[in-house]
């Protein structure tokens, strides 16, 4: 799995960080999500999928390789 963020539509809610803080960071200067681990271990799938599902701006996705 590869985590993808569309920073053009990110609204800076930071909910993703609550679900997977080791995968999602935040650039305060730009007010957008930062992907810390683009290819997290499969054991992180549940938390990453939850972050993707609950992103209010629909800025996150999982790309299946």
N, C-alpha and C. Protein backbone atom coordinates (compact mmCIF):
# COMPACT_ATOMS: atom_id res chain seq x y z
N UNK A 1 0.85 -1.18 0.00
CA UNK A 1 0.00 0.00 0.00
C UNK A 1 0.89 1.24 0.00
N UNK A 2 0.39 2.26 -0.68
CA UNK A 2 1.08 3.55 -0.71
C UNK A 2 0.07 4.62 -0.31
N UNK A 3 0.43 5.45 0.64
CA UNK A 3 -0.44 6.52 1.11
C UNK A 3 -0.24 7.76 0.25
N UNK A 4 -1.36 8.34 -0.17
CA UNK A 4 -1.33 9.51 -1.05
C UNK A 4 -2.13 10.64 -0.40
N UNK A 5 -1.59 11.86 -0.48
CA UNK A 5 -2.29 13.04 0.03
C UNK A 5 -2.36 14.10 -1.06
N UNK A 6 -3.53 14.64 -1.26
CA UNK A 6 -3.71 15.75 -2.21
C UNK A 6 -3.67 17.04 -1.40
N UNK A 7 -2.53 17.68 -1.39
CA UNK A 7 -2.37 18.88 -0.57
C UNK A 7 -3.12 20.08 -1.14
N UNK A 8 -3.58 19.98 -2.39
CA UNK A 8 -4.38 21.06 -2.97
C UNK A 8 -5.76 21.14 -2.35
N UNK A 9 -6.26 20.00 -1.85
CA UNK A 9 -7.60 20.02 -1.25
C UNK A 9 -7.59 19.82 0.26
N UNK A 10 -6.42 19.53 0.83
CA UNK A 10 -6.30 19.40 2.29
C UNK A 10 -6.72 20.70 2.95
N UNK A 11 -7.53 20.59 4.00
CA UNK A 11 -8.01 21.76 4.72
C UNK A 11 -7.37 21.92 6.10
N UNK A 12 -6.41 21.07 6.40
CA UNK A 12 -5.66 21.22 7.64
C UNK A 12 -6.38 20.81 8.90
N UNK A 13 -7.34 19.91 8.82
CA UNK A 13 -8.07 19.47 10.01
C UNK A 13 -7.22 18.62 10.96
N UNK A 14 -6.24 17.92 10.43
CA UNK A 14 -5.29 17.11 11.19
C UNK A 14 -5.90 15.89 11.86
N UNK A 15 -7.08 15.47 11.45
CA UNK A 15 -7.69 14.27 12.03
C UNK A 15 -6.87 13.03 11.73
N UNK A 16 -6.20 13.02 10.60
CA UNK A 16 -5.38 11.86 10.21
C UNK A 16 -4.27 11.61 11.22
N UNK A 17 -3.74 12.66 11.78
CA UNK A 17 -2.67 12.50 12.76
C UNK A 17 -3.14 11.76 14.00
N UNK A 18 -4.38 11.93 14.35
CA UNK A 18 -4.93 11.23 15.50
C UNK A 18 -5.04 9.73 15.28
N UNK A 19 -5.27 9.34 14.03
CA UNK A 19 -5.40 7.92 13.71
C UNK A 19 -4.06 7.25 13.48
N UNK A 20 -3.14 7.95 12.82
CA UNK A 20 -1.85 7.34 12.48
C UNK A 20 -0.74 8.40 12.51
N UNK A 21 -0.34 8.84 13.70
CA UNK A 21 0.65 9.92 13.81
C UNK A 21 2.03 9.56 13.29
N UNK A 22 2.30 8.27 13.13
CA UNK A 22 3.58 7.85 12.56
C UNK A 22 3.57 7.89 11.03
N UNK A 23 2.39 8.04 10.44
CA UNK A 23 2.23 8.08 8.99
C UNK A 23 1.94 9.49 8.50
N UNK A 24 1.13 10.24 9.27
CA UNK A 24 0.72 11.58 8.87
C UNK A 24 1.29 12.65 9.78
N UNK A 25 1.89 13.65 9.18
CA UNK A 25 2.39 14.80 9.92
C UNK A 25 1.64 16.03 9.44
N UNK A 26 2.15 17.20 9.83
CA UNK A 26 1.47 18.44 9.46
C UNK A 26 2.49 19.54 9.25
N UNK A 27 2.36 20.25 8.15
CA UNK A 27 3.19 21.40 7.85
C UNK A 27 2.42 22.64 8.27
N UNK A 28 2.78 23.19 9.43
CA UNK A 28 2.04 24.33 9.97
C UNK A 28 2.16 25.57 9.09
N UNK A 29 3.30 25.73 8.46
CA UNK A 29 3.51 26.89 7.60
C UNK A 29 2.57 26.87 6.39
N UNK A 30 2.41 25.69 5.80
CA UNK A 30 1.56 25.55 4.61
C UNK A 30 0.13 25.14 4.96
N UNK A 31 -0.09 24.73 6.22
CA UNK A 31 -1.40 24.31 6.72
C UNK A 31 -1.94 23.10 5.96
N UNK A 32 -1.06 22.11 5.73
CA UNK A 32 -1.45 20.90 5.02
C UNK A 32 -0.80 19.66 5.63
N UNK A 33 -1.38 18.52 5.31
CA UNK A 33 -0.85 17.23 5.74
C UNK A 33 0.50 16.97 5.07
N UNK A 34 1.33 16.20 5.77
CA UNK A 34 2.61 15.73 5.23
C UNK A 34 2.64 14.22 5.46
N UNK A 35 2.98 13.49 4.43
CA UNK A 35 3.10 12.04 4.57
C UNK A 35 4.48 11.73 5.13
N UNK A 36 4.53 11.16 6.32
CA UNK A 36 5.79 10.81 6.97
C UNK A 36 6.30 9.44 6.53
N UNK A 37 5.37 8.56 6.21
CA UNK A 37 5.72 7.21 5.78
C UNK A 37 4.81 6.82 4.62
N UNK A 38 5.30 7.01 3.41
CA UNK A 38 4.48 6.77 2.22
C UNK A 38 4.09 5.31 2.05
N UNK A 39 4.92 4.41 2.53
CA UNK A 39 4.65 2.98 2.42
C UNK A 39 4.73 2.32 3.82
N UNK A 40 3.73 2.59 4.65
CA UNK A 40 3.75 2.01 5.99
C UNK A 40 3.58 0.50 5.95
N UNK A 41 4.00 -0.13 7.02
CA UNK A 41 3.87 -1.57 7.16
C UNK A 41 2.39 -1.95 7.09
N UNK A 42 2.14 -3.12 6.57
CA UNK A 42 0.76 -3.62 6.44
C UNK A 42 0.02 -3.64 7.78
N UNK A 43 0.74 -3.75 8.85
CA UNK A 43 0.12 -3.75 10.18
C UNK A 43 -0.54 -2.41 10.50
N UNK A 44 -0.22 -1.37 9.76
CA UNK A 44 -0.79 -0.03 9.99
C UNK A 44 -2.02 0.22 9.13
N UNK A 45 -2.39 -0.75 8.28
CA UNK A 45 -3.48 -0.56 7.32
C UNK A 45 -4.78 -0.08 7.97
N UNK A 46 -5.18 -0.70 9.06
CA UNK A 46 -6.46 -0.34 9.69
C UNK A 46 -6.48 1.14 10.09
N UNK A 47 -5.42 1.61 10.75
CA UNK A 47 -5.37 3.00 11.19
C UNK A 47 -5.28 3.96 10.01
N UNK A 48 -4.50 3.59 9.00
CA UNK A 48 -4.38 4.44 7.81
C UNK A 48 -5.73 4.51 7.08
N UNK A 49 -6.39 3.37 6.94
CA UNK A 49 -7.69 3.35 6.27
C UNK A 49 -8.71 4.19 7.03
N UNK A 50 -8.67 4.16 8.34
CA UNK A 50 -9.58 4.98 9.15
C UNK A 50 -9.29 6.47 8.91
N UNK A 51 -8.03 6.84 8.86
CA UNK A 51 -7.67 8.23 8.60
C UNK A 51 -8.16 8.67 7.22
N UNK A 52 -8.01 7.81 6.24
CA UNK A 52 -8.48 8.12 4.88
C UNK A 52 -9.99 8.29 4.88
N UNK A 53 -10.68 7.36 5.51
CA UNK A 53 -12.15 7.37 5.53
C UNK A 53 -12.72 8.63 6.18
N UNK A 54 -12.07 9.10 7.26
CA UNK A 54 -12.64 10.21 8.01
C UNK A 54 -12.03 11.57 7.68
N UNK A 55 -11.21 11.65 6.65
CA UNK A 55 -10.67 12.94 6.24
C UNK A 55 -11.82 13.81 5.74
N UNK A 56 -12.11 14.94 6.39
CA UNK A 56 -13.24 15.78 6.00
C UNK A 56 -13.12 16.34 4.57
N UNK A 57 -11.91 16.51 4.09
CA UNK A 57 -11.70 17.09 2.76
C UNK A 57 -11.52 16.03 1.68
N UNK A 58 -11.52 14.76 2.06
CA UNK A 58 -11.27 13.66 1.12
C UNK A 58 -9.93 13.83 0.40
N UNK A 59 -8.94 14.27 1.16
CA UNK A 59 -7.61 14.55 0.60
C UNK A 59 -6.66 13.37 0.65
N UNK A 60 -7.08 12.29 1.29
CA UNK A 60 -6.20 11.14 1.48
C UNK A 60 -6.73 9.93 0.73
N UNK A 61 -5.80 9.08 0.31
CA UNK A 61 -6.19 7.83 -0.33
C UNK A 61 -5.09 6.81 -0.15
N UNK A 62 -5.45 5.55 -0.41
CA UNK A 62 -4.51 4.46 -0.39
C UNK A 62 -4.42 3.92 -1.82
N UNK A 63 -3.22 3.87 -2.33
CA UNK A 63 -2.98 3.33 -3.66
C UNK A 63 -2.45 1.92 -3.48
N UNK A 64 -3.16 0.96 -4.03
CA UNK A 64 -2.74 -0.44 -3.94
C UNK A 64 -1.75 -0.70 -5.06
N UNK A 65 -0.55 -1.09 -4.71
CA UNK A 65 0.50 -1.34 -5.70
C UNK A 65 0.23 -2.59 -6.50
